[in-house]
Amino acid sequence: METIVVYSPNISPRLTYVLDWLIKERLQLSYTLIDTKPTNSNSNALIISYGATSNGAISIPDVGLLWETGVADQKPAAGIWQELPTLFSTNDDSMTLNFDMLSAIFYLLSRYEEYYTYTPDKHNRYPPTESILYRKGLLSRPIVDEWVDAFRRMLNTTTGKNIPQHLFTYLPTYDIDIAYSHLHKGVRRIFGAYLRAILRMDMVQIAERTRVLKKKLKDPYDSFRWLRQLHKLHNYRPIYFILCADKTSAFDKNIHPLNPAMIRVIKNVAKDGEIGIHPSYYSYQESITRSEINTLQNITNQTIKISRQHYIKIKMPETYKLLIANNIEVDYSMGYGSKLGFRAGTGSSFLWYNIQNETTTNLRIYPFCFMDTTAHYELRLTPQEAIERLTNMTRLLRKTGSQLTTVYHNFSVGMSTEWTGWRQAYEAFLEENKPTA
């Protein structure tokens, strides 16, 4: 494995965090970090110089972000490099790069801007419209992956090396937060649903519910067997995130996790893929999160180590600290609930850096860029329009050797008339992007 020598007059936890991700994870190389200028003995090495020029080195300007602690008001200057839009641009012509790529990566991966004071949305979430990628029109691009791949190609060109690109991967994931539309809801909820349909004069809904309850029609949200068959056909290994709220609410509508029907769903999907917790809407209390994880562990007889927040409710740094306290090792919540795109500028996974205490944690973050409910409810896209958006993002992830993670729900690929066309569009997308042998 090629070893890169990185020279920087200063060394900090932030710098080490970025270099570990950029060089070890994305470039698949090793590196040595030094704070004294390289000597002639390093002449054959691939040298990156940060914040200073050095003979034979690829130099990257330093804007100072990686030497700070805590959060300050950053105003990253925009620019262009290798025909790509950049952040933390500089006018230092002595450097190989014209922007501080390391600070830009840190700013986006650490979610630095989410520590600022902001006005939360109706679900008390960080609004995507506050993000720099949204304001710059870059939310639909994995811009960090684009920088990394351009940097890899530049290293190959200028040094004669052959640093290979990562292979593109696709991970389908599902949130099971409303397993059934009509079945297994209990007398009280069924009566309430009928009453609401009567008040709306929704005779179609009344007729459908009656036929489902009489077992003359399959519940329209029950797509579980179809999904298992589809994954087996195309060799996918998905992840299912299960809502295990003990009480129903306006935002937690799943049937009780200990209902025999829900237990059957959980055990059946566990045969198809991995199982993770989908912490409920009000699970910001540690005791609630722990209780829901314990419930899922008891049902599956597995240790639950992966998670995705219901309604994508993330608050920095509280949410991730809560997950770590509950022994969660991997989180899949890094995306937005109201916009499609790349919240951290990448489709690739990374470790969470806690700015509050300036440490790299062991919590691994997997971003997603597409969620069916966002496309349908928030953006009002047709199935074809949604898949077109998804295909455009997938094309960029393929080009940069990154990972695509999608979020679907069992109900969007079921037989509900509200989701007509989504099942067929998703099936075609899965087939088109199936893993190669």
Protein backbone atom coordinates (compact mmCIF):
# COMPACT_ATOMS: atom_id res chain seq x y z
CA MET A 1 0.00 0.00 0.00
CA GLU A 2 1.30 3.43 -0.96
CA THR A 3 2.17 5.65 2.01
CA ILE A 4 1.57 9.38 1.68
CA VAL A 5 3.65 11.85 3.65
CA VAL A 6 1.49 14.72 4.90
CA TYR A 7 3.37 17.79 6.07
CA SER A 8 1.58 20.37 8.20
CA PRO A 9 3.23 22.98 10.45
CA ASN A 10 0.41 22.27 12.92
CA ILE A 11 -1.38 19.11 13.99
CA SER A 12 -4.85 18.86 15.52
CA PRO A 13 -7.63 16.30 16.10
CA ARG A 14 -9.60 17.93 13.27
CA LEU A 15 -6.76 17.51 10.80
CA THR A 16 -6.24 13.88 11.79
CA TYR A 17 -9.97 13.21 11.45
CA VAL A 18 -10.09 14.54 7.89
CA LEU A 19 -6.88 12.80 6.80
CA ASP A 20 -8.07 9.48 8.21
CA TRP A 21 -11.26 9.72 6.17
CA LEU A 22 -9.74 11.16 2.99
CA ILE A 23 -6.56 9.08 2.76
CA LYS A 24 -7.32 5.87 4.63
CA GLU A 25 -11.01 5.42 3.85
CA ARG A 26 -11.55 7.08 0.49
CA LEU A 27 -8.13 6.79 -1.18
CA GLN A 28 -7.41 3.45 0.56
CA LEU A 29 -3.83 4.49 1.34
CA SER A 30 -1.79 4.94 4.49
CA TYR A 31 -0.12 8.16 5.55
CA THR A 32 2.50 9.61 7.86
CA LEU A 33 1.80 13.03 9.38
CA ILE A 34 4.84 15.22 10.07
CA ASP A 35 5.21 18.81 11.32
CA THR A 36 8.71 19.44 9.95
CA LYS A 37 9.40 20.10 6.28
CA PRO A 38 10.19 16.95 4.27
CA THR A 39 13.86 16.36 3.49
CA ASN A 40 15.51 14.93 0.39
CA SER A 41 15.06 11.45 1.86
CA ASN A 42 11.35 11.85 1.14
CA SER A 43 11.94 12.73 -2.52
CA ASN A 44 10.33 9.54 -3.84
CA ALA A 45 7.33 9.77 -1.57
CA LEU A 46 3.95 11.19 -2.47
CA ILE A 47 3.89 14.36 -0.38
CA ILE A 48 0.93 16.55 0.53
CA SER A 49 1.78 19.85 2.14
CA TYR A 50 -0.99 21.58 4.10
CA GLY A 51 -0.75 25.30 4.72
CA ALA A 52 2.74 25.61 3.26
CA THR A 53 4.59 24.96 0.02
CA SER A 54 7.27 22.31 -0.21
CA ASN A 55 9.43 21.10 -3.09
CA GLY A 56 7.73 18.29 -5.00
CA ALA A 57 4.65 18.39 -2.80
CA ILE A 58 0.99 18.87 -3.67
CA SER A 59 0.05 21.87 -1.59
CA ILE A 60 -3.35 22.70 -0.08
CA PRO A 61 -4.08 26.13 1.42
CA ASP A 62 -5.05 26.46 5.08
CA VAL A 63 -7.83 28.85 6.17
CA GLY A 64 -7.41 28.08 9.87
CA LEU A 65 -10.60 26.11 10.60
CA LEU A 66 -8.77 22.96 11.59
CA TRP A 67 -6.83 24.73 14.36
CA GLU A 68 -9.88 26.18 16.07
CA THR A 69 -11.97 24.59 18.79
CA GLY A 70 -15.71 24.87 19.19
CA VAL A 71 -17.86 26.75 16.70
CA ALA A 72 -17.37 30.22 15.23
CA ASP A 73 -19.22 32.05 12.50
CA GLN A 74 -17.65 30.69 9.32
CA LYS A 75 -18.24 32.30 5.95
CA PRO A 76 -16.73 29.87 3.42
CA ALA A 77 -15.77 31.62 0.20
CA ALA A 78 -17.06 29.97 -2.98
CA GLY A 79 -14.83 29.15 -5.92
CA ILE A 80 -14.14 26.70 -8.76
CA TRP A 81 -11.53 23.93 -8.94
CA GLN A 82 -11.31 21.26 -11.64
CA GLU A 83 -14.65 22.62 -12.92
CA LEU A 84 -16.20 21.82 -9.53
CA PRO A 85 -17.77 24.36 -7.17
CA THR A 86 -15.79 24.68 -3.93
CA LEU A 87 -15.99 26.08 -0.40
CA PHE A 88 -13.19 27.79 1.53
CA SER A 89 -11.70 29.12 -1.70
CA THR A 90 -8.50 31.20 -1.49
CA ASN A 91 -6.49 33.46 -3.78
CA ASP A 92 -3.13 31.89 -2.96
CA ASP A 93 -1.59 31.17 -6.36
CA SER A 94 1.41 29.45 -4.77
CA MET A 95 -0.71 26.41 -3.83
CA THR A 96 -1.61 23.44 -6.03
CA LEU A 97 -5.24 23.62 -4.96
CA ASN A 98 -7.06 26.93 -4.81
CA PHE A 99 -9.33 25.95 -1.91
CA ASP A 100 -8.87 24.43 1.52
CA MET A 101 -10.32 21.02 0.69
CA LEU A 102 -9.53 19.64 4.15
CA SER A 103 -11.48 22.38 5.93
CA ALA A 104 -14.35 22.03 3.44
CA ILE A 105 -14.56 18.29 4.11
CA PHE A 106 -14.45 18.85 7.86
CA TYR A 107 -17.11 21.56 7.72
CA LEU A 108 -19.56 19.32 5.86
CA LEU A 109 -18.88 15.96 7.50
CA SER A 110 -18.89 17.31 11.04
CA ARG A 111 -22.15 19.18 10.28
CA TYR A 112 -20.44 22.26 11.68
CA GLU A 113 -23.26 24.58 10.58
CA GLU A 114 -25.81 22.57 12.55
CA TYR A 115 -24.21 23.80 15.78
CA TYR A 116 -25.20 27.35 14.85
CA THR A 117 -28.34 28.94 16.25
CA TYR A 118 -31.22 28.33 13.84
CA THR A 119 -35.01 28.35 13.68
CA PRO A 120 -36.12 24.71 13.67
CA ASP A 121 -38.86 23.39 11.40
CA LYS A 122 -42.23 22.08 12.60
CA HIS A 123 -40.62 18.84 13.78
CA ASN A 124 -37.87 20.67 15.66
CA ARG A 125 -35.29 19.71 13.04
CA TYR A 126 -32.46 21.58 11.37
CA PRO A 127 -34.02 22.96 8.16
CA PRO A 128 -32.16 22.11 4.93
CA THR A 129 -32.76 25.66 3.69
CA GLU A 130 -30.27 26.83 6.36
CA SER A 131 -27.48 24.68 4.92
CA ILE A 132 -24.72 26.07 2.75
CA LEU A 133 -25.18 23.30 0.18
CA TYR A 134 -28.82 24.26 -0.30
CA ARG A 135 -28.00 27.96 -0.53
CA LYS A 136 -25.28 27.27 -3.11
CA GLY A 137 -27.55 24.96 -5.14
CA LEU A 138 -25.37 21.93 -4.38
CA LEU A 139 -27.67 19.78 -2.26
CA SER A 140 -28.37 17.30 -5.05
CA ARG A 141 -24.65 16.71 -5.67
CA PRO A 142 -22.28 14.55 -3.60
CA ILE A 143 -19.83 17.42 -3.83
CA VAL A 144 -17.39 16.01 -1.29
CA ASP A 145 -17.20 12.76 -3.27
CA GLU A 146 -16.61 14.82 -6.40
CA TRP A 147 -13.72 16.69 -4.74
CA VAL A 148 -12.18 13.44 -3.50
CA ASP A 149 -12.40 11.75 -6.88
CA ALA A 150 -10.95 14.79 -8.68
CA PHE A 151 -8.13 14.86 -6.09
CA ARG A 152 -7.48 11.14 -6.66
CA ARG A 153 -7.27 11.67 -10.42
CA MET A 154 -4.96 14.66 -9.93
CA LEU A 155 -2.64 12.57 -7.74
CA ASN A 156 -2.52 9.88 -10.42
CA THR A 157 -1.77 12.39 -13.16
CA THR A 158 0.89 14.39 -11.33
CA THR A 159 2.70 11.48 -9.68
CA GLY A 160 2.23 8.64 -12.15
CA LYS A 161 0.60 6.57 -9.42
CA ASN A 162 -2.47 4.38 -9.93
CA ILE A 163 -4.77 4.99 -7.01
CA PRO A 164 -7.92 2.99 -7.81
CA GLN A 165 -11.42 4.29 -7.32
CA HIS A 166 -13.86 2.76 -4.86
CA LEU A 167 -16.57 0.61 -6.40
CA PHE A 168 -20.09 2.04 -6.39
CA THR A 169 -22.47 0.25 -4.02
CA TYR A 170 -26.22 0.50 -3.46
CA LEU A 171 -27.93 -0.19 -0.14
CA PRO A 172 -31.76 -0.24 -0.08
CA THR A 173 -33.22 0.47 3.36
CA TYR A 174 -36.77 0.56 4.72
CA ASP A 175 -38.53 2.24 7.60
CA ILE A 176 -41.30 0.07 9.02
CA ASP A 177 -43.28 2.66 10.95
CA ILE A 178 -46.78 1.78 9.68
CA ALA A 179 -46.76 -1.95 8.98
CA TYR A 180 -50.46 -2.21 8.13
CA SER A 181 -53.09 0.21 6.89
CA HIS A 182 -56.13 -1.59 8.30
CA LEU A 183 -55.21 -4.81 10.04
CA HIS A 184 -54.21 -5.41 13.68
CA LYS A 185 -55.11 -1.90 14.85
CA GLY A 186 -57.51 -2.85 17.65
CA VAL A 187 -61.20 -2.01 18.00
CA ARG A 188 -60.68 1.58 19.12
CA ARG A 189 -58.42 2.60 16.23
CA ILE A 190 -60.52 0.74 13.66
CA PHE A 191 -63.69 2.46 14.89
CA GLY A 192 -61.96 5.84 14.74
CA ALA A 193 -60.78 5.18 11.19
CA TYR A 194 -64.29 4.25 10.08
CA LEU A 195 -65.71 7.37 11.73
CA ARG A 196 -63.21 9.65 9.98
CA ALA A 197 -63.95 8.00 6.63
CA ILE A 198 -67.70 8.43 7.17
CA LEU A 199 -67.28 12.12 8.01
CA ARG A 200 -65.27 12.54 4.79
CA MET A 201 -67.86 10.49 2.88
CA ASP A 202 -64.93 8.37 1.67
CA MET A 203 -66.83 5.33 0.49
CA VAL A 204 -63.79 3.87 -1.30
CA GLN A 205 -61.82 3.82 1.96
CA ILE A 206 -64.75 2.31 3.86
CA ALA A 207 -65.18 -0.45 1.28
CA GLU A 208 -61.45 -1.21 1.18
CA ARG A 209 -61.15 -1.37 4.96
CA THR A 210 -64.16 -3.66 5.22
CA ARG A 211 -62.82 -6.07 2.58
CA VAL A 212 -59.39 -6.18 4.24
CA LEU A 213 -60.85 -6.84 7.69
CA LYS A 214 -63.00 -9.63 6.23
CA LYS A 215 -59.81 -11.13 4.70
CA LYS A 216 -61.19 -10.68 1.18
CA LEU A 217 -58.41 -8.25 0.24
CA LYS A 218 -54.75 -8.03 1.21
CA ASP A 219 -53.81 -5.07 3.37
CA PRO A 220 -52.46 -2.43 0.94
CA TYR A 221 -49.41 -1.72 3.11
CA ASP A 222 -48.35 -5.37 3.31
CA SER A 223 -45.51 -5.53 0.78
CA PHE A 224 -43.14 -7.60 2.91
CA ARG A 225 -43.23 -10.87 0.94
CA TRP A 226 -42.92 -8.97 -2.36
CA LEU A 227 -39.85 -7.13 -1.05
CA ARG A 228 -38.19 -10.34 0.12
CA GLN A 229 -38.74 -11.94 -3.28
CA LEU A 230 -37.42 -8.85 -5.07
CA HIS A 231 -34.27 -8.73 -2.96
CA LYS A 232 -33.62 -12.43 -3.47
CA LEU A 233 -34.09 -12.07 -7.23
CA HIS A 234 -31.55 -9.23 -7.51
CA ASN A 235 -29.17 -10.25 -4.69
CA TYR A 236 -29.75 -7.33 -2.33
CA ARG A 237 -29.17 -7.42 1.42
CA PRO A 238 -31.33 -4.54 2.77
CA ILE A 239 -31.78 -3.00 6.21
CA TYR A 240 -35.16 -2.68 7.92
CA PHE A 241 -35.62 -0.07 10.65
CA ILE A 242 -38.45 -0.99 13.01
CA LEU A 243 -40.53 1.50 14.98
CA CYS A 244 -41.07 -0.03 18.42
CA ALA A 245 -42.99 2.75 20.19
CA ASP A 246 -44.83 1.52 23.26
CA LYS A 247 -47.62 4.06 22.72
CA THR A 248 -49.25 5.34 19.55
CA SER A 249 -49.31 9.06 18.83
CA ALA A 250 -50.00 11.39 15.93
CA PHE A 251 -46.48 10.58 14.69
CA ASP A 252 -46.01 7.00 15.94
CA LYS A 253 -48.70 4.97 14.20
CA ASN A 254 -47.28 1.47 14.08
CA ILE A 255 -49.09 -1.40 15.74
CA HIS A 256 -47.64 -2.38 19.11
CA PRO A 257 -44.29 -4.16 18.75
CA LEU A 258 -45.51 -7.04 20.92
CA ASN A 259 -48.60 -7.61 18.80
CA PRO A 260 -48.18 -11.15 17.35
CA ALA A 261 -48.67 -9.75 13.83
CA MET A 262 -45.85 -7.22 14.33
CA ILE A 263 -43.60 -9.89 15.78
CA ARG A 264 -44.19 -11.98 12.65
CA VAL A 265 -43.30 -9.02 10.42
CA ILE A 266 -40.07 -8.37 12.33
CA LYS A 267 -38.98 -12.01 12.28
CA ASN A 268 -39.78 -12.39 8.59
CA VAL A 269 -37.89 -9.30 7.44
CA ALA A 270 -34.96 -10.35 9.66
CA LYS A 271 -34.56 -13.32 7.32
CA ASP A 272 -34.20 -10.92 4.40
CA GLY A 273 -31.76 -8.35 5.78
CA GLU A 274 -30.38 -6.59 8.82
CA ILE A 275 -32.61 -5.14 11.53
CA GLY A 276 -32.19 -1.71 13.11
CA ILE A 277 -34.14 0.42 15.55
CA HIS A 278 -36.28 3.32 14.34
CA PRO A 279 -36.41 5.45 17.52
CA SER A 280 -39.86 6.95 17.93
CA TYR A 281 -40.84 10.60 17.55
CA TYR A 282 -40.55 11.27 21.30
CA SER A 283 -37.49 9.11 21.95
CA TYR A 284 -35.20 12.03 22.81
CA GLN A 285 -35.37 10.74 26.39
CA GLU A 286 -32.66 8.14 26.97
CA SER A 287 -34.98 5.82 28.89
CA ILE A 288 -37.43 5.67 25.96
CA THR A 289 -34.70 4.91 23.43
CA ARG A 290 -33.27 2.21 25.66
CA SER A 291 -36.71 0.64 26.20
CA GLU A 292 -37.43 0.53 22.45
CA ILE A 293 -34.04 -1.02 21.69
CA ASN A 294 -34.56 -3.63 24.40
CA THR A 295 -37.98 -4.50 22.99
CA LEU A 296 -36.54 -5.06 19.51
CA GLN A 297 -33.63 -7.08 20.89
CA ASN A 298 -35.99 -9.34 22.79
CA ILE A 299 -38.10 -9.96 19.68
CA THR A 300 -35.18 -10.64 17.33
CA ASN A 301 -32.84 -12.22 19.88
CA GLN A 302 -30.16 -10.01 18.33
CA THR A 303 -28.01 -7.19 19.68
CA ILE A 304 -29.26 -4.03 17.97
CA LYS A 305 -26.36 -1.82 16.86
CA ILE A 306 -27.86 0.21 14.00
CA SER A 307 -30.44 2.98 13.99
CA ARG A 308 -32.32 5.61 11.98
CA GLN A 309 -34.34 8.38 13.62
CA HIS A 310 -38.08 8.47 12.96
CA TYR A 311 -38.93 11.65 11.01
CA ILE A 312 -35.14 12.09 10.69
CA LYS A 313 -35.07 13.96 13.99
CA ILE A 314 -31.39 14.79 14.52
CA LYS A 315 -30.10 17.49 16.82
CA MET A 316 -26.36 18.09 17.09
CA PRO A 317 -24.77 16.77 19.21
CA GLU A 318 -27.54 15.47 21.51
CA THR A 319 -29.00 12.80 19.22
CA TYR A 320 -25.70 11.11 18.46
CA LYS A 321 -24.60 11.26 22.09
CA LEU A 322 -27.88 9.56 23.01
CA LEU A 323 -27.32 6.80 20.47
CA ILE A 324 -23.78 6.20 21.68
CA ALA A 325 -25.05 5.99 25.26
CA ASN A 326 -27.38 3.23 24.07
CA ASN A 327 -24.58 1.26 22.37
CA ILE A 328 -25.61 2.14 18.82
CA GLU A 329 -22.59 1.83 16.54
CA VAL A 330 -24.02 2.82 13.14
CA ASP A 331 -26.63 5.46 12.26
CA TYR A 332 -28.47 5.97 8.97
CA SER A 333 -30.22 9.29 9.71
CA MET A 334 -27.89 11.62 7.78
CA GLY A 335 -30.32 13.12 5.30
CA TYR A 336 -33.23 15.52 5.29
CA GLY A 337 -36.90 14.78 5.79
CA SER A 338 -38.08 17.67 3.64
CA LYS A 339 -35.51 17.81 0.80
CA LEU A 340 -33.74 15.25 -1.35
CA GLY A 341 -29.97 15.34 -1.51
CA PHE A 342 -26.73 15.04 0.42
CA ARG A 343 -26.88 16.58 3.90
CA ALA A 344 -23.14 16.08 4.45
CA GLY A 345 -22.14 16.36 0.79
CA THR A 346 -21.32 12.67 0.44
CA GLY A 347 -22.88 9.26 -0.04
CA SER A 348 -19.94 7.59 1.69
CA SER A 349 -19.93 6.68 5.35
CA PHE A 350 -17.82 8.48 7.94
CA LEU A 351 -17.23 8.55 11.68
CA TRP A 352 -19.03 11.24 13.64
CA TYR A 353 -16.76 14.01 14.92
CA ASN A 354 -18.09 15.56 18.12
CA ILE A 355 -17.22 19.26 17.92
CA GLN A 356 -18.40 19.75 21.49
CA ASN A 357 -15.35 17.90 22.85
CA GLU A 358 -13.21 17.79 19.66
CA THR A 359 -13.02 14.01 19.38
CA THR A 360 -13.59 11.44 16.69
CA THR A 361 -16.19 8.98 17.96
CA ASN A 362 -16.76 5.35 16.98
CA LEU A 363 -20.28 6.10 15.71
CA ARG A 364 -20.32 5.49 11.96
CA ILE A 365 -22.70 7.60 9.89
CA TYR A 366 -24.24 6.36 6.63
CA PRO A 367 -25.90 9.18 4.65
CA PHE A 368 -28.97 8.76 2.46
CA CYS A 369 -29.99 11.05 -0.39
CA PHE A 370 -33.49 9.87 -1.25
CA MET A 371 -36.62 9.14 0.79
CA ASP A 372 -39.95 8.21 -0.79
CA THR A 373 -42.12 10.23 1.62
CA THR A 374 -40.02 13.35 1.01
CA ALA A 375 -40.46 13.01 -2.74
CA HIS A 376 -44.19 12.28 -2.47
CA TYR A 377 -45.46 14.43 0.39
CA GLU A 378 -42.97 17.30 0.57
CA LEU A 379 -42.04 17.77 -3.10
CA ARG A 380 -45.22 16.38 -4.70
CA LEU A 381 -43.25 14.43 -7.30
CA THR A 382 -44.76 11.75 -9.51
CA PRO A 383 -43.11 8.31 -9.37
CA GLN A 384 -41.36 9.05 -12.66
CA GLU A 385 -40.13 12.46 -11.49
CA ALA A 386 -38.87 10.98 -8.24
CA ILE A 387 -36.95 8.21 -9.97
CA GLU A 388 -35.47 10.75 -12.37
CA ARG A 389 -34.13 12.77 -9.42
CA LEU A 390 -32.81 9.57 -7.84
CA THR A 391 -31.21 8.44 -11.10
CA ASN A 392 -29.38 11.75 -11.49
CA MET A 393 -27.91 11.46 -8.00
CA THR A 394 -27.04 7.81 -8.60
CA ARG A 395 -25.14 8.75 -11.74
CA LEU A 396 -22.88 11.08 -9.74
CA LEU A 397 -22.34 8.48 -7.02
CA ARG A 398 -21.34 5.92 -9.65
CA LYS A 399 -18.98 8.41 -11.25
CA THR A 400 -17.22 9.09 -7.94
CA GLY A 401 -17.20 5.53 -6.59
CA SER A 402 -19.42 6.32 -3.64
CA GLN A 403 -22.48 4.66 -2.07
CA LEU A 404 -26.18 5.13 -2.71
CA THR A 405 -28.53 4.62 0.23
CA THR A 406 -32.26 4.99 -0.29
CA VAL A 407 -35.12 5.11 2.21
CA TYR A 408 -38.44 3.54 1.30
CA HIS A 409 -41.43 2.47 3.39
CA ASN A 410 -43.40 -0.74 3.03
CA PHE A 411 -46.55 1.29 2.31
CA SER A 412 -45.07 3.22 -0.64
CA VAL A 413 -44.34 -0.02 -2.51
CA GLY A 414 -47.57 -1.71 -1.47
CA MET A 415 -50.94 -1.54 -3.22
CA SER A 416 -52.32 1.67 -1.76
CA THR A 417 -54.05 3.85 -4.37
CA GLU A 418 -52.27 6.86 -2.85
CA TRP A 419 -48.97 5.36 -4.04
CA THR A 420 -50.03 4.16 -7.47
CA GLY A 421 -47.00 3.73 -9.73
CA TRP A 422 -44.36 3.87 -7.01
CA ARG A 423 -44.04 0.09 -6.68
CA GLN A 424 -43.38 -0.40 -10.39
CA ALA A 425 -40.93 2.51 -10.57
CA TYR A 426 -38.97 1.21 -7.58
CA GLU A 427 -38.88 -2.34 -8.93
CA ALA A 428 -37.41 -1.09 -12.21
CA PHE A 429 -34.81 0.99 -10.34
CA LEU A 430 -33.72 -1.97 -8.20
CA GLU A 431 -33.31 -4.14 -11.28
CA GLU A 432 -31.30 -1.47 -13.10
CA ASN A 433 -28.92 -0.97 -10.18
CA LYS A 434 -28.63 -4.54 -8.93
CA PRO A 435 -25.23 -5.68 -7.65
CA THR A 436 -22.92 -7.11 -10.28
CA ALA A 437 -21.71 -10.65 -9.80
